[in-house]
Amino acid sequence: MNLLLSQVGIEYIIKEIKTDDEELEAFLFSLGCYSGEPITVISRRRGGCIVAIKDGRYSIDNQLAVAITVEEK
């Protein structure tokens, strides 16, 4: 399932990032968003969601949330 379909407050494991944009993939990697890492959706808003990755909280848009494939921990 992609991150957009995940539930708020549940910790998931990132399975893969589905994007052809190398810059975007490098940016996500710099945030700690890569396969095998835990990620939690903290809240949702109209155009995206707030996620917790490692020690940080980040706002991502819906288009990016669809590209992040997760599985339950």
PDB file of N, CA and C in Angstrom:
ATOM      1  N   MET A   1       0.853  -1.172   0.000  1.00  0.00           N
ATOM      2  CA  MET A   1       0.000   0.000   0.000  1.00  0.00           C
ATOM      3  C   MET A   1       0.895   1.230   0.000  1.00  0.00           C
ATOM      4  N   ASN A   2       0.380   2.326  -0.521  1.00  0.00           N
ATOM      5  CA  ASN A   2       1.177   3.548  -0.502  1.00  0.00           C
ATOM      6  C   ASN A   2       0.875   4.353   0.768  1.00  0.00           C
ATOM      7  N   LEU A   3       1.709   5.323   1.036  1.00  0.00           N
ATOM      8  CA  LEU A   3       1.612   6.093   2.266  1.00  0.00           C
ATOM      9  C   LEU A   3       0.306   6.880   2.358  1.00  0.00           C
ATOM     10  N   LEU A   4      -0.252   7.261   1.228  1.00  0.00           N
ATOM     11  CA  LEU A   4      -1.505   8.014   1.211  1.00  0.00           C
ATOM     12  C   LEU A   4      -2.661   7.198   1.793  1.00  0.00           C
ATOM     13  N   LEU A   5      -2.598   5.884   1.678  1.00  0.00           N
ATOM     14  CA  LEU A   5      -3.656   5.001   2.166  1.00  0.00           C
ATOM     15  C   LEU A   5      -3.426   4.520   3.596  1.00  0.00           C
ATOM     16  N   SER A   6      -2.292   4.867   4.187  1.00  0.00           N
ATOM     17  CA  SER A   6      -1.964   4.397   5.530  1.00  0.00           C
ATOM     18  C   SER A   6      -2.763   5.139   6.603  1.00  0.00           C
ATOM     19  N   GLN A   7      -2.817   4.566   7.792  1.00  0.00           N
ATOM     20  CA  GLN A   7      -3.562   5.154   8.902  1.00  0.00           C
ATOM     21  C   GLN A   7      -2.670   6.063   9.728  1.00  0.00           C
ATOM     22  N   VAL A   8      -3.267   7.095  10.291  1.00  0.00           N
ATOM     23  CA  VAL A   8      -2.546   8.033  11.152  1.00  0.00           C
ATOM     24  C   VAL A   8      -2.180   7.339  12.465  1.00  0.00           C
ATOM     25  N   GLY A   9      -0.947   7.538  12.906  1.00  0.00           N
ATOM     26  CA  GLY A   9      -0.501   7.016  14.195  1.00  0.00           C
ATOM     27  C   GLY A   9       0.057   5.606  14.184  1.00  0.00           C
ATOM     28  N   ILE A  10       0.023   4.936  13.050  1.00  0.00           N
ATOM     29  CA  ILE A  10       0.551   3.571  12.939  1.00  0.00           C
ATOM     30  C   ILE A  10       1.942   3.640  12.311  1.00  0.00           C
ATOM     31  N   GLU A  11       2.887   2.893  12.897  1.00  0.00           N
ATOM     32  CA  GLU A  11       4.236   2.866  12.329  1.00  0.00           C
ATOM     33  C   GLU A  11       4.298   1.834  11.210  1.00  0.00           C
ATOM     34  N   TYR A  12       4.836   2.244  10.087  1.00  0.00           N
ATOM     35  CA  TYR A  12       5.001   1.386   8.916  1.00  0.00           C
ATOM     36  C   TYR A  12       6.477   1.300   8.569  1.00  0.00           C
ATOM     37  N   ILE A  13       6.815   0.331   7.753  1.00  0.00           N
ATOM     38  CA  ILE A  13       8.171   0.185   7.226  1.00  0.00           C
ATOM     39  C   ILE A  13       8.134   0.554   5.745  1.00  0.00           C
ATOM     40  N   ILE A  14       9.056   1.399   5.326  1.00  0.00           N
ATOM     41  CA  ILE A  14       9.123   1.794   3.916  1.00  0.00           C
ATOM     42  C   ILE A  14       9.609   0.595   3.110  1.00  0.00           C
ATOM     43  N   LYS A  15       8.816   0.228   2.121  1.00  0.00           N
ATOM     44  CA  LYS A  15       9.148  -0.920   1.272  1.00  0.00           C
ATOM     45  C   LYS A  15       9.956  -0.462   0.062  1.00  0.00           C
ATOM     46  N   GLU A  16       9.494   0.610  -0.587  1.00  0.00           N
ATOM     47  CA  GLU A  16      10.232   1.165  -1.724  1.00  0.00           C
ATOM     48  C   GLU A  16       9.720   2.562  -2.058  1.00  0.00           C
ATOM     49  N   ILE A  17      10.529   3.278  -2.823  1.00  0.00           N
ATOM     50  CA  ILE A  17      10.158   4.602  -3.327  1.00  0.00           C
ATOM     51  C   ILE A  17       9.995   4.452  -4.830  1.00  0.00           C
ATOM     52  N   LYS A  18       8.796   4.700  -5.332  1.00  0.00           N
ATOM     53  CA  LYS A  18       8.520   4.539  -6.753  1.00  0.00           C
ATOM     54  C   LYS A  18       8.575   5.899  -7.445  1.00  0.00           C
ATOM     55  N   THR A  19       9.763   6.248  -7.921  1.00  0.00           N
ATOM     56  CA  THR A  19       9.933   7.494  -8.657  1.00  0.00           C
ATOM     57  C   THR A  19      11.081   7.349  -9.646  1.00  0.00           C
ATOM     58  N   ASP A  20      10.967   8.061 -10.762  1.00  0.00           N
ATOM     59  CA  ASP A  20      12.038   8.081 -11.757  1.00  0.00           C
ATOM     60  C   ASP A  20      12.914   9.315 -11.580  1.00  0.00           C
ATOM     61  N   ASP A  21      12.526  10.201 -10.665  1.00  0.00           N
ATOM     62  CA  ASP A  21      13.241  11.443 -10.414  1.00  0.00           C
ATOM     63  C   ASP A  21      14.395  11.188  -9.443  1.00  0.00           C
ATOM     64  N   GLU A  22      15.617  11.196  -9.952  1.00  0.00           N
ATOM     65  CA  GLU A  22      16.787  10.899  -9.125  1.00  0.00           C
ATOM     66  C   GLU A  22      17.011  11.952  -8.049  1.00  0.00           C
ATOM     67  N   GLU A  23      16.728  13.220  -8.357  1.00  0.00           N
ATOM     68  CA  GLU A  23      16.892  14.289  -7.370  1.00  0.00           C
ATOM     69  C   GLU A  23      15.930  14.090  -6.199  1.00  0.00           C
ATOM     70  N   LEU A  24      14.699  13.737  -6.504  1.00  0.00           N
ATOM     71  CA  LEU A  24      13.704  13.493  -5.466  1.00  0.00           C
ATOM     72  C   LEU A  24      14.119  12.304  -4.606  1.00  0.00           C
ATOM     73  N   GLU A  25      14.604  11.269  -5.236  1.00  0.00           N
ATOM     74  CA  GLU A  25      15.040  10.090  -4.490  1.00  0.00           C
ATOM     75  C   GLU A  25      16.232  10.420  -3.583  1.00  0.00           C
ATOM     76  N   ALA A  26      17.157  11.229  -4.076  1.00  0.00           N
ATOM     77  CA  ALA A  26      18.309  11.646  -3.269  1.00  0.00           C
ATOM     78  C   ALA A  26      17.858  12.525  -2.103  1.00  0.00           C
ATOM     79  N   PHE A  27      16.878  13.393  -2.343  1.00  0.00           N
ATOM     80  CA  PHE A  27      16.354  14.252  -1.278  1.00  0.00           C
ATOM     81  C   PHE A  27      15.700  13.403  -0.190  1.00  0.00           C
ATOM     82  N   LEU A  28      14.866  12.460  -0.584  1.00  0.00           N
ATOM     83  CA  LEU A  28      14.212  11.584   0.386  1.00  0.00           C
ATOM     84  C   LEU A  28      15.244  10.773   1.161  1.00  0.00           C
ATOM     85  N   PHE A  29      16.273  10.317   0.485  1.00  0.00           N
ATOM     86  CA  PHE A  29      17.332   9.564   1.155  1.00  0.00           C
ATOM     87  C   PHE A  29      18.017  10.429   2.207  1.00  0.00           C
ATOM     88  N   SER A  30      18.220  11.714   1.907  1.00  0.00           N
ATOM     89  CA  SER A  30      18.867  12.622   2.866  1.00  0.00           C
ATOM     90  C   SER A  30      17.993  12.847   4.105  1.00  0.00           C
ATOM     91  N   LEU A  31      16.677  12.672   3.958  1.00  0.00           N
ATOM     92  CA  LEU A  31      15.768  12.788   5.100  1.00  0.00           C
ATOM     93  C   LEU A  31      15.708  11.502   5.916  1.00  0.00           C
ATOM     94  N   GLY A  32      16.248  10.430   5.362  1.00  0.00           N
ATOM     95  CA  GLY A  32      16.174   9.129   6.030  1.00  0.00           C
ATOM     96  C   GLY A  32      15.022   8.297   5.523  1.00  0.00           C
ATOM     97  N   CYS A  33      14.447   8.688   4.413  1.00  0.00           N
ATOM     98  CA  CYS A  33      13.301   7.995   3.820  1.00  0.00           C
ATOM     99  C   CYS A  33      13.806   7.033   2.742  1.00  0.00           C
ATOM    100  N   TYR A  34      14.058   5.785   3.139  1.00  0.00           N
ATOM    101  CA  TYR A  34      14.512   4.760   2.208  1.00  0.00           C
ATOM    102  C   TYR A  34      14.053   3.393   2.707  1.00  0.00           C
ATOM    103  N   SER A  35      14.180   2.398   1.873  1.00  0.00           N
ATOM    104  CA  SER A  35      13.683   1.051   2.185  1.00  0.00           C
ATOM    105  C   SER A  35      14.205   0.552   3.527  1.00  0.00           C
ATOM    106  N   GLY A  36      13.275  -0.026   4.305  1.00  0.00           N
ATOM    107  CA  GLY A  36      13.628  -0.604   5.583  1.00  0.00           C
ATOM    108  C   GLY A  36      13.477   0.328   6.773  1.00  0.00           C
ATOM    109  N   GLU A  37      13.285   1.615   6.522  1.00  0.00           N
ATOM    110  CA  GLU A  37      13.155   2.587   7.610  1.00  0.00           C
ATOM    111  C   GLU A  37      11.708   2.707   8.072  1.00  0.00           C
ATOM    112  N   PRO A  38      11.498   2.902   9.375  1.00  0.00           N
ATOM    113  CA  PRO A  38      10.138   3.126   9.873  1.00  0.00           C
ATOM    114  C   PRO A  38       9.659   4.542   9.549  1.00  0.00           C
ATOM    115  N   ILE A  39       8.366   4.668   9.296  1.00  0.00           N
ATOM    116  CA  ILE A  39       7.739   5.959   9.007  1.00  0.00           C
ATOM    117  C   ILE A  39       6.344   5.955   9.622  1.00  0.00           C
ATOM    118  N   THR A  40       5.944   7.079  10.181  1.00  0.00           N
ATOM    119  CA  THR A  40       4.630   7.207  10.804  1.00  0.00           C
ATOM    120  C   THR A  40       3.944   8.459  10.284  1.00  0.00           C
ATOM    121  N   VAL A  41       2.691   8.334   9.867  1.00  0.00           N
ATOM    122  CA  VAL A  41       1.897   9.506   9.492  1.00  0.00           C
ATOM    123  C   VAL A  41       1.358  10.103  10.784  1.00  0.00           C
ATOM    124  N   ILE A  42       1.743  11.334  11.060  1.00  0.00           N
ATOM    125  CA  ILE A  42       1.317  12.009  12.287  1.00  0.00           C
ATOM    126  C   ILE A  42      -0.041  12.663  12.106  1.00  0.00           C
ATOM    127  N   SER A  43      -0.238  13.295  10.958  1.00  0.00           N
ATOM    128  CA  SER A  43      -1.532  13.925  10.675  1.00  0.00           C
ATOM    129  C   SER A  43      -1.705  14.088   9.179  1.00  0.00           C
ATOM    130  N   ARG A  44      -2.935  14.278   8.785  1.00  0.00           N
ATOM    131  CA  ARG A  44      -3.263  14.509   7.381  1.00  0.00           C
ATOM    132  C   ARG A  44      -3.821  15.915   7.231  1.00  0.00           C
ATOM    133  N   ARG A  45      -3.566  16.469   6.091  1.00  0.00           N
ATOM    134  CA  ARG A  45      -4.158  17.750   5.745  1.00  0.00           C
ATOM    135  C   ARG A  45      -4.581  17.680   4.295  1.00  0.00           C
ATOM    136  N   ARG A  46      -5.221  18.687   3.836  1.00  0.00           N
ATOM    137  CA  ARG A  46      -5.831  18.673   2.519  1.00  0.00           C
ATOM    138  C   ARG A  46      -4.880  18.274   1.384  1.00  0.00           C
ATOM    139  N   GLY A  47      -3.705  18.865   1.337  1.00  0.00           N
ATOM    140  CA  GLY A  47      -2.798  18.612   0.218  1.00  0.00           C
ATOM    141  C   GLY A  47      -1.711  17.610   0.502  1.00  0.00           C
ATOM    142  N   GLY A  48      -1.712  16.988   1.680  1.00  0.00           N
ATOM    143  CA  GLY A  48      -0.651  16.050   1.998  1.00  0.00           C
ATOM    144  C   GLY A  48      -0.744  15.553   3.426  1.00  0.00           C
ATOM    145  N   CYS A  49       0.409  15.249   3.996  1.00  0.00           N
ATOM    146  CA  CYS A  49       0.430  14.748   5.364  1.00  0.00           C
ATOM    147  C   CYS A  49       1.748  15.102   6.041  1.00  0.00           C
ATOM    148  N   ILE A  50       1.745  15.013   7.358  1.00  0.00           N
ATOM    149  CA  ILE A  50       2.940  15.212   8.166  1.00  0.00           C
ATOM    150  C   ILE A  50       3.413  13.831   8.587  1.00  0.00           C
ATOM    151  N   VAL A  51       4.688  13.539   8.335  1.00  0.00           N
ATOM    152  CA  VAL A  51       5.229  12.230   8.669  1.00  0.00           C
ATOM    153  C   VAL A  51       6.426  12.362   9.607  1.00  0.00           C
ATOM    154  N   ALA A  52       6.644  11.324  10.391  1.00  0.00           N
ATOM    155  CA  ALA A  52       7.819  11.246  11.253  1.00  0.00           C
ATOM    156  C   ALA A  52       8.757  10.196  10.673  1.00  0.00           C
ATOM    157  N   ILE A  53       9.977  10.634  10.376  1.00  0.00           N
ATOM    158  CA  ILE A  53      11.018   9.737   9.877  1.00  0.00           C
ATOM    159  C   ILE A  53      12.242   9.986  10.746  1.00  0.00           C
ATOM    160  N   LYS A  54      12.729   8.944  11.371  1.00  0.00           N
ATOM    161  CA  LYS A  54      13.852   9.055  12.311  1.00  0.00           C
ATOM    162  C   LYS A  54      13.502  10.088  13.375  1.00  0.00           C
ATOM    163  N   ASP A  55      14.315  11.131  13.536  1.00  0.00           N
ATOM    164  CA  ASP A  55      14.067  12.133  14.572  1.00  0.00           C
ATOM    165  C   ASP A  55      13.385  13.391  14.040  1.00  0.00           C
ATOM    166  N   GLY A  56      12.930  13.369  12.794  1.00  0.00           N
ATOM    167  CA  GLY A  56      12.351  14.571  12.196  1.00  0.00           C
ATOM    168  C   GLY A  56      10.908  14.402  11.793  1.00  0.00           C
ATOM    169  N   ARG A  57      10.253  15.546  11.630  1.00  0.00           N
ATOM    170  CA  ARG A  57       8.885  15.580  11.118  1.00  0.00           C
ATOM    171  C   ARG A  57       8.896  16.391   9.832  1.00  0.00           C
ATOM    172  N   TYR A  58       8.231  15.856   8.812  1.00  0.00           N
ATOM    173  CA  TYR A  58       8.266  16.488   7.499  1.00  0.00           C
ATOM    174  C   TYR A  58       6.866  16.537   6.905  1.00  0.00           C
ATOM    175  N   SER A  59       6.629  17.562   6.123  1.00  0.00           N
ATOM    176  CA  SER A  59       5.371  17.706   5.400  1.00  0.00           C
ATOM    177  C   SER A  59       5.604  17.230   3.972  1.00  0.00           C
ATOM    178  N   ILE A  60       4.799  16.285   3.526  1.00  0.00           N
ATOM    179  CA  ILE A  60       4.913  15.809   2.144  1.00  0.00           C
ATOM    180  C   ILE A  60       3.560  15.929   1.461  1.00  0.00           C
ATOM    181  N   ASP A  61       3.592  16.169   0.163  1.00  0.00           N
ATOM    182  CA  ASP A  61       2.331  16.311  -0.561  1.00  0.00           C
ATOM    183  C   ASP A  61       1.784  14.945  -0.965  1.00  0.00           C
ATOM    184  N   ASN A  62       0.540  14.944  -1.416  1.00  0.00           N
ATOM    185  CA  ASN A  62      -0.131  13.687  -1.767  1.00  0.00           C
ATOM    186  C   ASN A  62       0.575  12.946  -2.905  1.00  0.00           C
ATOM    187  N   GLN A  63       1.118  13.682  -3.862  1.00  0.00           N
ATOM    188  CA  GLN A  63       1.795  13.045  -4.990  1.00  0.00           C
ATOM    189  C   GLN A  63       3.014  12.257  -4.514  1.00  0.00           C
ATOM    190  N   LEU A  64       3.745  12.808  -3.578  1.00  0.00           N
ATOM    191  CA  LEU A  64       4.909  12.114  -3.024  1.00  0.00           C
ATOM    192  C   LEU A  64       4.475  10.950  -2.137  1.00  0.00           C
ATOM    193  N   ALA A  65       3.395  11.129  -1.388  1.00  0.00           N
ATOM    194  CA  ALA A  65       2.890  10.068  -0.514  1.00  0.00           C
ATOM    195  C   ALA A  65       2.500   8.830  -1.318  1.00  0.00           C
ATOM    196  N   VAL A  66       1.991   9.033  -2.515  1.00  0.00           N
ATOM    197  CA  VAL A  66       1.613   7.911  -3.376  1.00  0.00           C
ATOM    198  C   VAL A  66       2.863   7.154  -3.843  1.00  0.00           C
ATOM    199  N   ALA A  67       3.987   7.842  -3.982  1.00  0.00           N
ATOM    200  CA  ALA A  67       5.216   7.214  -4.460  1.00  0.00           C
ATOM    201  C   ALA A  67       5.921   6.382  -3.388  1.00  0.00           C
ATOM    202  N   ILE A  68       5.556   6.565  -2.120  1.00  0.00           N
ATOM    203  CA  ILE A  68       6.199   5.836  -1.021  1.00  0.00           C
ATOM    204  C   ILE A  68       5.351   4.613  -0.681  1.00  0.00           C
ATOM    205  N   THR A  69       5.875   3.437  -0.961  1.00  0.00           N
ATOM    206  CA  THR A  69       5.192   2.186  -0.674  1.00  0.00           C
ATOM    207  C   THR A  69       5.612   1.705   0.712  1.00  0.00           C
ATOM    208  N   VAL A  70       4.616   1.357   1.548  1.00  0.00           N
ATOM    209  CA  VAL A  70       4.895   0.929   2.919  1.00  0.00           C
ATOM    210  C   VAL A  70       4.203  -0.394   3.204  1.00  0.00           C
ATOM    211  N   GLU A  71       4.655  -1.040   4.287  1.00  0.00           N
ATOM    212  CA  GLU A  71       3.996  -2.246   4.780  1.00  0.00           C
ATOM    213  C   GLU A  71       3.924  -2.136   6.298  1.00  0.00           C
ATOM    214  N   GLU A  72       2.967  -2.810   6.880  1.00  0.00           N
ATOM    215  CA  GLU A  72       2.826  -2.757   8.337  1.00  0.00           C
ATOM    216  C   GLU A  72       4.008  -3.408   9.002  1.00  0.00           C
ATOM    217  N   LYS A  73       4.369  -2.863  10.133  1.00  0.00           N
ATOM    218  CA  LYS A  73       5.525  -3.349  10.895  1.00  0.00           C
ATOM    219  C   LYS A  73       5.260  -4.697  11.505  1.00  0.00           C
TER     220      LYS A  73
END
